[in-house]
């Protein structure tokens, strides 16, 4: 949001016909290390990477969103595996290293 505090940046973004939401997404795309700062080198590299028609911007936006989703999904799967492991322990089911591939064990599920 400090980005919009600078009148020169507002003029620059306005001249490029970029709305506020697109500008926020652009900042997130350029902030590769998620540190809320974009250095001049990252800015230039990012702009060159995004050169092209609007589809390039959209694709890179989707990549960023997918990376965020996959990170959250990975955290979720670890959580679920731990919880199921605890449930298996509580119910007395053997863990996968004790023969879960055995059809007689699988029939319990």
PDB file of N, CA and C in Angstrom:
ATOM      1  N   UNK A   1       0.817  -1.203   0.000  1.00  0.00           N
ATOM      2  CA  UNK A   1       0.000   0.000   0.000  1.00  0.00           C
ATOM      3  C   UNK A   1       0.860   1.266   0.000  1.00  0.00           C
ATOM      4  N   UNK A   2       2.094   1.193   0.510  1.00  0.00           N
ATOM      5  CA  UNK A   2       2.990   2.350   0.438  1.00  0.00           C
ATOM      6  C   UNK A   2       3.261   2.743  -1.003  1.00  0.00           C
ATOM      7  N   UNK A   3       3.134   1.780  -1.878  1.00  0.00           N
ATOM      8  CA  UNK A   3       3.306   1.994  -3.307  1.00  0.00           C
ATOM      9  C   UNK A   3       2.390   3.106  -3.799  1.00  0.00           C
ATOM     10  N   UNK A   4       1.157   3.135  -3.278  1.00  0.00           N
ATOM     11  CA  UNK A   4       0.175   4.124  -3.716  1.00  0.00           C
ATOM     12  C   UNK A   4       0.321   5.458  -3.009  1.00  0.00           C
ATOM     13  N   UNK A   5       1.172   5.522  -1.993  1.00  0.00           N
ATOM     14  CA  UNK A   5       1.412   6.784  -1.300  1.00  0.00           C
ATOM     15  C   UNK A   5       2.273   7.734  -2.125  1.00  0.00           C
ATOM     16  N   UNK A   6       3.059   7.183  -3.019  1.00  0.00           N
ATOM     17  CA  UNK A   6       3.960   7.978  -3.848  1.00  0.00           C
ATOM     18  C   UNK A   6       3.195   8.504  -5.066  1.00  0.00           C
ATOM     19  N   UNK A   7       3.023   9.836  -5.169  1.00  0.00           N
ATOM     20  CA  UNK A   7       2.253  10.392  -6.293  1.00  0.00           C
ATOM     21  C   UNK A   7       2.865  10.059  -7.655  1.00  0.00           C
ATOM     22  N   UNK A   8       4.189   9.963  -7.713  1.00  0.00           N
ATOM     23  CA  UNK A   8       4.826   9.627  -8.995  1.00  0.00           C
ATOM     24  C   UNK A   8       4.469   8.207  -9.438  1.00  0.00           C
ATOM     25  N   UNK A   9       4.432   7.296  -8.479  1.00  0.00           N
ATOM     26  CA  UNK A   9       4.070   5.921  -8.821  1.00  0.00           C
ATOM     27  C   UNK A   9       2.603   5.831  -9.231  1.00  0.00           C
ATOM     28  N   UNK A  10       1.741   6.600  -8.563  1.00  0.00           N
ATOM     29  CA  UNK A  10       0.325   6.611  -8.958  1.00  0.00           C
ATOM     30  C   UNK A  10       0.179   7.113 -10.387  1.00  0.00           C
ATOM     31  N   UNK A  11       0.932   8.162 -10.737  1.00  0.00           N
ATOM     32  CA  UNK A  11       0.879   8.691 -12.111  1.00  0.00           C
ATOM     33  C   UNK A  11       1.394   7.664 -13.106  1.00  0.00           C
ATOM     34  N   UNK A  12       2.503   7.005 -12.743  1.00  0.00           N
ATOM     35  CA  UNK A  12       3.104   6.011 -13.629  1.00  0.00           C
ATOM     36  C   UNK A  12       2.135   4.853 -13.887  1.00  0.00           C
ATOM     37  N   UNK A  13       1.545   4.336 -12.804  1.00  0.00           N
ATOM     38  CA  UNK A  13       0.607   3.233 -12.925  1.00  0.00           C
ATOM     39  C   UNK A  13      -0.629   3.682 -13.696  1.00  0.00           C
ATOM     40  N   UNK A  14      -1.088   4.891 -13.437  1.00  0.00           N
ATOM     41  CA  UNK A  14      -2.242   5.425 -14.162  1.00  0.00           C
ATOM     42  C   UNK A  14      -1.960   5.569 -15.649  1.00  0.00           C
ATOM     43  N   UNK A  15      -0.749   6.012 -15.986  1.00  0.00           N
ATOM     44  CA  UNK A  15      -0.372   6.171 -17.394  1.00  0.00           C
ATOM     45  C   UNK A  15      -0.331   4.827 -18.110  1.00  0.00           C
ATOM     46  N   UNK A  16      -0.022   3.778 -17.373  1.00  0.00           N
ATOM     47  CA  UNK A  16       0.000   2.434 -17.954  1.00  0.00           C
ATOM     48  C   UNK A  16      -1.392   1.810 -18.008  1.00  0.00           C
ATOM     49  N   UNK A  17      -2.378   2.550 -17.505  1.00  0.00           N
ATOM     50  CA  UNK A  17      -3.768   2.087 -17.477  1.00  0.00           C
ATOM     51  C   UNK A  17      -3.900   0.793 -16.669  1.00  0.00           C
ATOM     52  N   UNK A  18      -3.259   0.799 -15.487  1.00  0.00           N
ATOM     53  CA  UNK A  18      -3.321  -0.343 -14.584  1.00  0.00           C
ATOM     54  C   UNK A  18      -4.167   0.057 -13.387  1.00  0.00           C
ATOM     55  N   UNK A  19      -5.190  -0.738 -13.078  1.00  0.00           N
ATOM     56  CA  UNK A  19      -6.030  -0.410 -11.925  1.00  0.00           C
ATOM     57  C   UNK A  19      -5.337  -0.839 -10.632  1.00  0.00           C
ATOM     58  N   UNK A  20      -5.915  -0.454  -9.504  1.00  0.00           N
ATOM     59  CA  UNK A  20      -5.288  -0.697  -8.205  1.00  0.00           C
ATOM     60  C   UNK A  20      -5.094  -2.190  -7.932  1.00  0.00           C
ATOM     61  N   UNK A  21      -6.073  -3.008  -8.253  1.00  0.00           N
ATOM     62  CA  UNK A  21      -5.954  -4.450  -8.002  1.00  0.00           C
ATOM     63  C   UNK A  21      -4.857  -5.066  -8.861  1.00  0.00           C
ATOM     64  N   UNK A  22      -4.773  -4.641 -10.121  1.00  0.00           N
ATOM     65  CA  UNK A  22      -3.699  -5.134 -10.989  1.00  0.00           C
ATOM     66  C   UNK A  22      -2.337  -4.683 -10.474  1.00  0.00           C
ATOM     67  N   UNK A  23      -2.269  -3.465  -9.951  1.00  0.00           N
ATOM     68  CA  UNK A  23      -1.006  -2.955  -9.412  1.00  0.00           C
ATOM     69  C   UNK A  23      -0.584  -3.769  -8.192  1.00  0.00           C
ATOM     70  N   UNK A  24      -1.538  -4.119  -7.346  1.00  0.00           N
ATOM     71  CA  UNK A  24      -1.222  -4.969  -6.186  1.00  0.00           C
ATOM     72  C   UNK A  24      -0.715  -6.334  -6.631  1.00  0.00           C
ATOM     73  N   UNK A  25      -1.384  -6.908  -7.640  1.00  0.00           N
ATOM     74  CA  UNK A  25      -0.955  -8.214  -8.153  1.00  0.00           C
ATOM     75  C   UNK A  25       0.427  -8.093  -8.790  1.00  0.00           C
ATOM     76  N   UNK A  26       0.670  -7.012  -9.500  1.00  0.00           N
ATOM     77  CA  UNK A  26       1.982  -6.786 -10.102  1.00  0.00           C
ATOM     78  C   UNK A  26       3.051  -6.736  -9.016  1.00  0.00           C
ATOM     79  N   UNK A  27       2.769  -6.032  -7.940  1.00  0.00           N
ATOM     80  CA  UNK A  27       3.727  -5.959  -6.837  1.00  0.00           C
ATOM     81  C   UNK A  27       3.990  -7.351  -6.263  1.00  0.00           C
ATOM     82  N   UNK A  28       2.922  -8.133  -6.072  1.00  0.00           N
ATOM     83  CA  UNK A  28       3.099  -9.481  -5.529  1.00  0.00           C
ATOM     84  C   UNK A  28       3.905 -10.354  -6.475  1.00  0.00           C
ATOM     85  N   UNK A  29       3.701 -10.172  -7.782  1.00  0.00           N
ATOM     86  CA  UNK A  29       4.474 -10.934  -8.760  1.00  0.00           C
ATOM     87  C   UNK A  29       5.946 -10.551  -8.724  1.00  0.00           C
ATOM     88  N   UNK A  30       6.209  -9.268  -8.528  1.00  0.00           N
ATOM     89  CA  UNK A  30       7.590  -8.791  -8.535  1.00  0.00           C
ATOM     90  C   UNK A  30       8.300  -9.049  -7.215  1.00  0.00           C
ATOM     91  N   UNK A  31       7.545  -9.163  -6.132  1.00  0.00           N
ATOM     92  CA  UNK A  31       8.114  -9.416  -4.805  1.00  0.00           C
ATOM     93  C   UNK A  31       8.358 -10.918  -4.655  1.00  0.00           C
ATOM     94  N   UNK A  32       9.376 -11.412  -5.342  1.00  0.00           N
ATOM     95  CA  UNK A  32       9.630 -12.852  -5.425  1.00  0.00           C
ATOM     96  C   UNK A  32       9.998 -13.470  -4.089  1.00  0.00           C
ATOM     97  N   UNK A  33      10.544 -12.694  -3.173  1.00  0.00           N
ATOM     98  CA  UNK A  33      10.987 -13.248  -1.894  1.00  0.00           C
ATOM     99  C   UNK A  33       9.996 -12.961  -0.768  1.00  0.00           C
ATOM    100  N   UNK A  34       8.837 -12.424  -1.115  1.00  0.00           N
ATOM    101  CA  UNK A  34       7.759 -12.161  -0.161  1.00  0.00           C
ATOM    102  C   UNK A  34       8.241 -11.332   1.027  1.00  0.00           C
ATOM    103  N   UNK A  35       8.994 -10.269   0.722  1.00  0.00           N
ATOM    104  CA  UNK A  35       9.555  -9.426   1.784  1.00  0.00           C
ATOM    105  C   UNK A  35       8.930  -8.022   1.777  1.00  0.00           C
ATOM    106  N   UNK A  36       7.886  -7.834   0.968  1.00  0.00           N
ATOM    107  CA  UNK A  36       7.184  -6.550   0.857  1.00  0.00           C
ATOM    108  C   UNK A  36       8.077  -5.432   0.334  1.00  0.00           C
ATOM    109  N   UNK A  37       9.072  -5.803  -0.417  1.00  0.00           N
ATOM    110  CA  UNK A  37       9.966  -4.836  -1.069  1.00  0.00           C
ATOM    111  C   UNK A  37      10.307  -5.353  -2.457  1.00  0.00           C
ATOM    112  N   UNK A  38      10.447  -4.440  -3.384  1.00  0.00           N
ATOM    113  CA  UNK A  38      10.875  -4.807  -4.730  1.00  0.00           C
ATOM    114  C   UNK A  38      12.034  -3.905  -5.100  1.00  0.00           C
ATOM    115  N   UNK A  39      13.203  -4.502  -5.244  1.00  0.00           N
ATOM    116  CA  UNK A  39      14.386  -3.753  -5.655  1.00  0.00           C
ATOM    117  C   UNK A  39      14.312  -3.426  -7.131  1.00  0.00           C
ATOM    118  N   UNK A  40      15.157  -2.523  -7.551  1.00  0.00           N
ATOM    119  CA  UNK A  40      15.149  -2.090  -8.950  1.00  0.00           C
ATOM    120  C   UNK A  40      15.469  -3.248  -9.885  1.00  0.00           C
ATOM    121  N   UNK A  41      16.395  -4.126  -9.489  1.00  0.00           N
ATOM    122  CA  UNK A  41      16.737  -5.272 -10.334  1.00  0.00           C
ATOM    123  C   UNK A  41      15.544  -6.223 -10.478  1.00  0.00           C
ATOM    124  N   UNK A  42      14.875  -6.502  -9.364  1.00  0.00           N
ATOM    125  CA  UNK A  42      13.689  -7.373  -9.421  1.00  0.00           C
ATOM    126  C   UNK A  42      12.578  -6.726 -10.242  1.00  0.00           C
ATOM    127  N   UNK A  43      12.437  -5.408 -10.095  1.00  0.00           N
ATOM    128  CA  UNK A  43      11.415  -4.696 -10.856  1.00  0.00           C
ATOM    129  C   UNK A  43      11.673  -4.825 -12.345  1.00  0.00           C
ATOM    130  N   UNK A  44      12.922  -4.557 -12.764  1.00  0.00           N
ATOM    131  CA  UNK A  44      13.268  -4.615 -14.191  1.00  0.00           C
ATOM    132  C   UNK A  44      13.143  -6.038 -14.731  1.00  0.00           C
ATOM    133  N   UNK A  45      13.666  -7.015 -13.982  1.00  0.00           N
ATOM    134  CA  UNK A  45      13.565  -8.417 -14.409  1.00  0.00           C
ATOM    135  C   UNK A  45      12.106  -8.840 -14.528  1.00  0.00           C
ATOM    136  N   UNK A  46      11.325  -8.469 -13.527  1.00  0.00           N
ATOM    137  CA  UNK A  46       9.915  -8.846 -13.521  1.00  0.00           C
ATOM    138  C   UNK A  46       9.151  -8.223 -14.671  1.00  0.00           C
ATOM    139  N   UNK A  47       9.414  -6.964 -14.943  1.00  0.00           N
ATOM    140  CA  UNK A  47       8.727  -6.299 -16.057  1.00  0.00           C
ATOM    141  C   UNK A  47       9.104  -6.933 -17.391  1.00  0.00           C
ATOM    142  N   UNK A  48      10.372  -7.287 -17.543  1.00  0.00           N
ATOM    143  CA  UNK A  48      10.788  -7.960 -18.774  1.00  0.00           C
ATOM    144  C   UNK A  48      10.134  -9.336 -18.886  1.00  0.00           C
ATOM    145  N   UNK A  49      10.023 -10.029 -17.760  1.00  0.00           N
ATOM    146  CA  UNK A  49       9.399 -11.345 -17.747  1.00  0.00           C
ATOM    147  C   UNK A  49       7.920 -11.250 -18.123  1.00  0.00           C
ATOM    148  N   UNK A  50       7.289 -10.154 -17.737  1.00  0.00           N
ATOM    149  CA  UNK A  50       5.856  -9.984 -17.973  1.00  0.00           C
ATOM    150  C   UNK A  50       5.548  -9.282 -19.286  1.00  0.00           C
ATOM    151  N   UNK A  51       6.582  -8.978 -20.048  1.00  0.00           N
ATOM    152  CA  UNK A  51       6.346  -8.305 -21.325  1.00  0.00           C
ATOM    153  C   UNK A  51       5.447  -9.155 -22.198  1.00  0.00           C
ATOM    154  N   UNK A  52       4.683  -8.510 -22.996  1.00  0.00           N
ATOM    155  CA  UNK A  52       3.775  -9.222 -23.883  1.00  0.00           C
ATOM    156  C   UNK A  52       2.363  -8.745 -23.659  1.00  0.00           C
ATOM    157  N   UNK A  53       1.437  -9.476 -24.224  1.00  0.00           N
ATOM    158  CA  UNK A  53       0.046  -9.060 -24.071  1.00  0.00           C
ATOM    159  C   UNK A  53      -0.488  -9.456 -22.697  1.00  0.00           C
ATOM    160  N   UNK A  54      -1.709  -9.120 -22.443  1.00  0.00           N
ATOM    161  CA  UNK A  54      -2.304  -9.332 -21.120  1.00  0.00           C
ATOM    162  C   UNK A  54      -2.272 -10.798 -20.706  1.00  0.00           C
ATOM    163  N   UNK A  55      -2.242 -11.700 -21.645  1.00  0.00           N
ATOM    164  CA  UNK A  55      -2.242 -13.118 -21.303  1.00  0.00           C
ATOM    165  C   UNK A  55      -0.999 -13.479 -20.494  1.00  0.00           C
ATOM    166  N   UNK A  56       0.130 -12.853 -20.796  1.00  0.00           N
ATOM    167  CA  UNK A  56       1.355 -13.132 -20.043  1.00  0.00           C
ATOM    168  C   UNK A  56       1.167 -12.749 -18.582  1.00  0.00           C
ATOM    169  N   UNK A  57       0.602 -11.585 -18.334  1.00  0.00           N
ATOM    170  CA  UNK A  57       0.333 -11.132 -16.963  1.00  0.00           C
ATOM    171  C   UNK A  57      -0.595 -12.112 -16.263  1.00  0.00           C
ATOM    172  N   UNK A  58      -1.650 -12.508 -16.953  1.00  0.00           N
ATOM    173  CA  UNK A  58      -2.627 -13.425 -16.370  1.00  0.00           C
ATOM    174  C   UNK A  58      -1.996 -14.771 -16.030  1.00  0.00           C
ATOM    175  N   UNK A  59      -1.156 -15.276 -16.914  1.00  0.00           N
ATOM    176  CA  UNK A  59      -0.496 -16.564 -16.675  1.00  0.00           C
ATOM    177  C   UNK A  59       0.406 -16.463 -15.453  1.00  0.00           C
ATOM    178  N   UNK A  60       1.175 -15.397 -15.366  1.00  0.00           N
ATOM    179  CA  UNK A  60       2.057 -15.239 -14.216  1.00  0.00           C
ATOM    180  C   UNK A  60       1.265 -15.041 -12.922  1.00  0.00           C
ATOM    181  N   UNK A  61       0.132 -14.387 -13.007  1.00  0.00           N
ATOM    182  CA  UNK A  61      -0.737 -14.248 -11.836  1.00  0.00           C
ATOM    183  C   UNK A  61      -1.228 -15.618 -11.371  1.00  0.00           C
ATOM    184  N   UNK A  62      -1.622 -16.440 -12.321  1.00  0.00           N
ATOM    185  CA  UNK A  62      -2.094 -17.781 -11.984  1.00  0.00           C
ATOM    186  C   UNK A  62      -0.966 -18.630 -11.391  1.00  0.00           C
ATOM    187  N   UNK A  63       0.235 -18.481 -11.913  1.00  0.00           N
ATOM    188  CA  UNK A  63       1.372 -19.228 -11.370  1.00  0.00           C
ATOM    189  C   UNK A  63       1.587 -18.837  -9.911  1.00  0.00           C
ATOM    190  N   UNK A  64       1.548 -17.549  -9.625  1.00  0.00           N
ATOM    191  CA  UNK A  64       1.721 -17.079  -8.249  1.00  0.00           C
ATOM    192  C   UNK A  64       0.630 -17.639  -7.343  1.00  0.00           C
ATOM    193  N   UNK A  65      -0.598 -17.597  -7.809  1.00  0.00           N
ATOM    194  CA  UNK A  65      -1.699 -18.107  -7.005  1.00  0.00           C
ATOM    195  C   UNK A  65      -1.591 -19.614  -6.810  1.00  0.00           C
ATOM    196  N   UNK A  66      -1.147 -20.338  -7.821  1.00  0.00           N
ATOM    197  CA  UNK A  66      -0.969 -21.783  -7.696  1.00  0.00           C
ATOM    198  C   UNK A  66       0.143 -22.111  -6.706  1.00  0.00           C
ATOM    199  N   UNK A  67       1.221 -21.345  -6.732  1.00  0.00           N
ATOM    200  CA  UNK A  67       2.300 -21.580  -5.781  1.00  0.00           C
ATOM    201  C   UNK A  67       1.808 -21.392  -4.346  1.00  0.00           C
ATOM    202  N   UNK A  68       1.024 -20.350  -4.130  1.00  0.00           N
ATOM    203  CA  UNK A  68       0.469 -20.108  -2.797  1.00  0.00           C
ATOM    204  C   UNK A  68      -0.471 -21.249  -2.405  1.00  0.00           C
ATOM    205  N   UNK A  69      -1.311 -21.675  -3.340  1.00  0.00           N
ATOM    206  CA  UNK A  69      -2.235 -22.778  -3.071  1.00  0.00           C
ATOM    207  C   UNK A  69      -1.478 -24.060  -2.748  1.00  0.00           C
ATOM    208  N   UNK A  70      -0.464 -24.392  -3.542  1.00  0.00           N
ATOM    209  CA  UNK A  70       0.283 -25.624  -3.323  1.00  0.00           C
ATOM    210  C   UNK A  70       1.003 -25.616  -1.983  1.00  0.00           C
ATOM    211  N   UNK A  71       1.469 -24.452  -1.576  1.00  0.00           N
ATOM    212  CA  UNK A  71       2.111 -24.344  -0.270  1.00  0.00           C
ATOM    213  C   UNK A  71       1.106 -24.646   0.837  1.00  0.00           C
ATOM    214  N   UNK A  72      -0.069 -24.042   0.756  1.00  0.00           N
ATOM    215  CA  UNK A  72      -1.118 -24.286   1.749  1.00  0.00           C
ATOM    216  C   UNK A  72      -1.584 -25.742   1.693  1.00  0.00           C
ATOM    217  N   UNK A  73      -1.727 -26.289   0.498  1.00  0.00           N
ATOM    218  CA  UNK A  73      -2.161 -27.675   0.341  1.00  0.00           C
ATOM    219  C   UNK A  73      -1.148 -28.617   0.977  1.00  0.00           C
ATOM    220  N   UNK A  74       0.133 -28.341   0.772  1.00  0.00           N
ATOM    221  CA  UNK A  74       1.180 -29.165   1.358  1.00  0.00           C
ATOM    222  C   UNK A  74       1.092 -29.142   2.882  1.00  0.00           C
ATOM    223  N   UNK A  75       0.888 -27.963   3.451  1.00  0.00           N
ATOM    224  CA  UNK A  75       0.725 -27.845   4.903  1.00  0.00           C
ATOM    225  C   UNK A  75      -0.492 -28.645   5.369  1.00  0.00           C
ATOM    226  N   UNK A  76      -1.567 -28.571   4.613  1.00  0.00           N
ATOM    227  CA  UNK A  76      -2.795 -29.276   4.964  1.00  0.00           C
ATOM    228  C   UNK A  76      -2.581 -30.790   4.924  1.00  0.00           C
ATOM    229  N   UNK A  77      -1.924 -31.292   3.893  1.00  0.00           N
ATOM    230  CA  UNK A  77      -1.725 -32.738   3.795  1.00  0.00           C
ATOM    231  C   UNK A  77      -0.849 -33.259   4.929  1.00  0.00           C
ATOM    232  N   UNK A  78       0.153 -32.483   5.323  1.00  0.00           N
ATOM    233  CA  UNK A  78       0.983 -32.884   6.460  1.00  0.00           C
ATOM    234  C   UNK A  78       0.128 -32.958   7.720  1.00  0.00           C
ATOM    235  N   UNK A  79      -0.714 -31.946   7.917  1.00  0.00           N
ATOM    236  CA  UNK A  79      -1.616 -31.920   9.073  1.00  0.00           C
ATOM    237  C   UNK A  79      -2.536 -33.139   9.076  1.00  0.00           C
ATOM    238  N   UNK A  80      -3.151 -33.439   7.930  1.00  0.00           N
ATOM    239  CA  UNK A  80      -4.095 -34.558   7.840  1.00  0.00           C
ATOM    240  C   UNK A  80      -3.371 -35.878   8.089  1.00  0.00           C
ATOM    241  N   UNK A  81      -2.185 -36.043   7.507  1.00  0.00           N
ATOM    242  CA  UNK A  81      -1.437 -37.282   7.731  1.00  0.00           C
ATOM    243  C   UNK A  81      -1.115 -37.476   9.212  1.00  0.00           C
ATOM    244  N   UNK A  82      -0.743 -36.405   9.897  1.00  0.00           N
ATOM    245  CA  UNK A  82      -0.459 -36.507  11.331  1.00  0.00           C
ATOM    246  C   UNK A  82      -1.720 -36.894  12.103  1.00  0.00           C
ATOM    247  N   UNK A  83      -2.823 -36.257  11.755  1.00  0.00           N
ATOM    248  CA  UNK A  83      -4.075 -36.551  12.463  1.00  0.00           C
ATOM    249  C   UNK A  83      -4.519 -37.987  12.224  1.00  0.00           C
ATOM    250  N   UNK A  84      -4.441 -38.468  10.986  1.00  0.00           N
ATOM    251  CA  UNK A  84      -4.805 -39.854  10.703  1.00  0.00           C
ATOM    252  C   UNK A  84      -3.848 -40.816  11.403  1.00  0.00           C
ATOM    253  N   UNK A  85      -2.578 -40.444  11.468  1.00  0.00           N
ATOM    254  CA  UNK A  85      -1.624 -41.278  12.187  1.00  0.00           C
ATOM    255  C   UNK A  85      -1.996 -41.403  13.649  1.00  0.00           C
ATOM    256  N   UNK A  86      -2.398 -40.303  14.255  1.00  0.00           N
ATOM    257  CA  UNK A  86      -2.830 -40.338  15.654  1.00  0.00           C
ATOM    258  C   UNK A  86      -4.093 -41.180  15.813  1.00  0.00           C
ATOM    259  N   UNK A  87      -5.005 -41.039  14.849  1.00  0.00           N
ATOM    260  CA  UNK A  87      -6.242 -41.809  14.906  1.00  0.00           C
ATOM    261  C   UNK A  87      -5.933 -43.298  14.759  1.00  0.00           C
ATOM    262  N   UNK A  88      -5.034 -43.641  13.835  1.00  0.00           N
ATOM    263  CA  UNK A  88      -4.638 -45.039  13.668  1.00  0.00           C
ATOM    264  C   UNK A  88      -4.032 -45.581  14.956  1.00  0.00           C
ATOM    265  N   UNK A  89      -3.165 -44.776  15.578  1.00  0.00           N
ATOM    266  CA  UNK A  89      -2.557 -45.201  16.848  1.00  0.00           C
ATOM    267  C   UNK A  89      -3.626 -45.438  17.905  1.00  0.00           C
ATOM    268  N   UNK A  90      -4.569 -44.519  17.991  1.00  0.00           N
ATOM    269  CA  UNK A  90      -5.638 -44.624  18.984  1.00  0.00           C
ATOM    270  C   UNK A  90      -6.493 -45.872  18.757  1.00  0.00           C
ATOM    271  N   UNK A  91      -6.788 -46.145  17.488  1.00  0.00           N
ATOM    272  CA  UNK A  91      -7.640 -47.286  17.151  1.00  0.00           C
ATOM    273  C   UNK A  91      -6.869 -48.603  17.088  1.00  0.00           C
ATOM    274  N   UNK A  92      -5.543 -48.497  17.159  1.00  0.00           N
ATOM    275  CA  UNK A  92      -4.728 -49.707  17.162  1.00  0.00           C
ATOM    276  C   UNK A  92      -4.426 -50.268  15.795  1.00  0.00           C
ATOM    277  N   UNK A  93      -4.628 -49.462  14.728  1.00  0.00           N
ATOM    278  CA  UNK A  93      -4.298 -49.942  13.389  1.00  0.00           C
ATOM    279  C   UNK A  93      -2.786 -49.905  13.200  1.00  0.00           C
ATOM    280  N   UNK A  94      -2.248 -50.878  12.484  1.00  0.00           N
ATOM    281  CA  UNK A  94      -0.807 -50.847  12.218  1.00  0.00           C
ATOM    282  C   UNK A  94      -0.478 -49.716  11.239  1.00  0.00           C
ATOM    283  N   UNK A  95       0.717 -49.163  11.360  1.00  0.00           N
ATOM    284  CA  UNK A  95       1.103 -48.119  10.405  1.00  0.00           C
ATOM    285  C   UNK A  95       1.563 -48.768   9.113  1.00  0.00           C
ATOM    286  N   UNK A  96       1.801 -47.963   8.080  1.00  0.00           N
ATOM    287  CA  UNK A  96       2.105 -48.492   6.753  1.00  0.00           C
ATOM    288  C   UNK A  96       3.394 -49.294   6.730  1.00  0.00           C
ATOM    289  N   UNK A  97       4.295 -49.058   7.660  1.00  0.00           N
ATOM    290  CA  UNK A  97       5.534 -49.824   7.678  1.00  0.00           C
ATOM    291  C   UNK A  97       5.321 -51.222   8.246  1.00  0.00           C
ATOM    292  N   UNK A  98       4.133 -51.469   8.831  1.00  0.00           N
ATOM    293  CA  UNK A  98       3.845 -52.777   9.423  1.00  0.00           C
ATOM    294  C   UNK A  98       2.925 -53.620   8.551  1.00  0.00           C
ATOM    295  N   UNK A  99       2.866 -53.347   7.244  1.00  0.00           N
ATOM    296  CA  UNK A  99       2.110 -54.213   6.351  1.00  0.00           C
ATOM    297  C   UNK A  99       0.790 -53.664   5.878  1.00  0.00           C
ATOM    298  N   UNK A 100       0.635 -52.359   5.786  1.00  0.00           N
ATOM    299  CA  UNK A 100      -0.625 -51.782   5.301  1.00  0.00           C
ATOM    300  C   UNK A 100      -0.881 -52.167   3.853  1.00  0.00           C
ATOM    301  N   UNK A 101       0.159 -52.639   3.147  1.00  0.00           N
ATOM    302  CA  UNK A 101      -0.045 -53.080   1.772  1.00  0.00           C
ATOM    303  C   UNK A 101      -0.642 -54.485   1.727  1.00  0.00           C
ATOM    304  N   UNK A 102      -0.673 -55.142   2.863  1.00  0.00           N
ATOM    305  CA  UNK A 102      -1.240 -56.478   2.979  1.00  0.00           C
ATOM    306  C   UNK A 102      -2.757 -56.389   2.803  1.00  0.00           C
ATOM    307  N   UNK A 103      -3.347 -57.178   1.888  1.00  0.00           N
ATOM    308  CA  UNK A 103      -4.800 -57.097   1.650  1.00  0.00           C
ATOM    309  C   UNK A 103      -5.641 -57.321   2.895  1.00  0.00           C
ATOM    310  N   UNK A 104      -5.177 -58.148   3.828  1.00  0.00           N
ATOM    311  CA  UNK A 104      -5.971 -58.383   5.046  1.00  0.00           C
ATOM    312  C   UNK A 104      -6.023 -57.137   5.910  1.00  0.00           C
ATOM    313  N   UNK A 105      -4.962 -56.345   5.889  1.00  0.00           N
ATOM    314  CA  UNK A 105      -4.950 -55.093   6.642  1.00  0.00           C
ATOM    315  C   UNK A 105      -5.826 -54.075   5.934  1.00  0.00           C
ATOM    316  N   UNK A 106      -5.757 -54.040   4.594  1.00  0.00           N
ATOM    317  CA  UNK A 106      -6.546 -53.069   3.836  1.00  0.00           C
ATOM    318  C   UNK A 106      -8.046 -53.322   4.016  1.00  0.00           C
ATOM    319  N   UNK A 107      -8.444 -54.573   4.234  1.00  0.00           N
ATOM    320  CA  UNK A 107      -9.864 -54.848   4.391  1.00  0.00           C
ATOM    321  C   UNK A 107     -10.423 -54.212   5.654  1.00  0.00           C
ATOM    322  N   UNK A 108      -9.556 -53.865   6.603  1.00  0.00           N
ATOM    323  CA  UNK A 108     -10.023 -53.198   7.824  1.00  0.00           C
ATOM    324  C   UNK A 108     -10.492 -51.789   7.524  1.00  0.00           C
ATOM    325  N   UNK A 109     -10.067 -51.232   6.407  1.00  0.00           N
ATOM    326  CA  UNK A 109     -10.417 -49.850   6.078  1.00  0.00           C
ATOM    327  C   UNK A 109     -11.574 -49.895   5.145  1.00  0.00           C
TER     328      UNK A 109
END
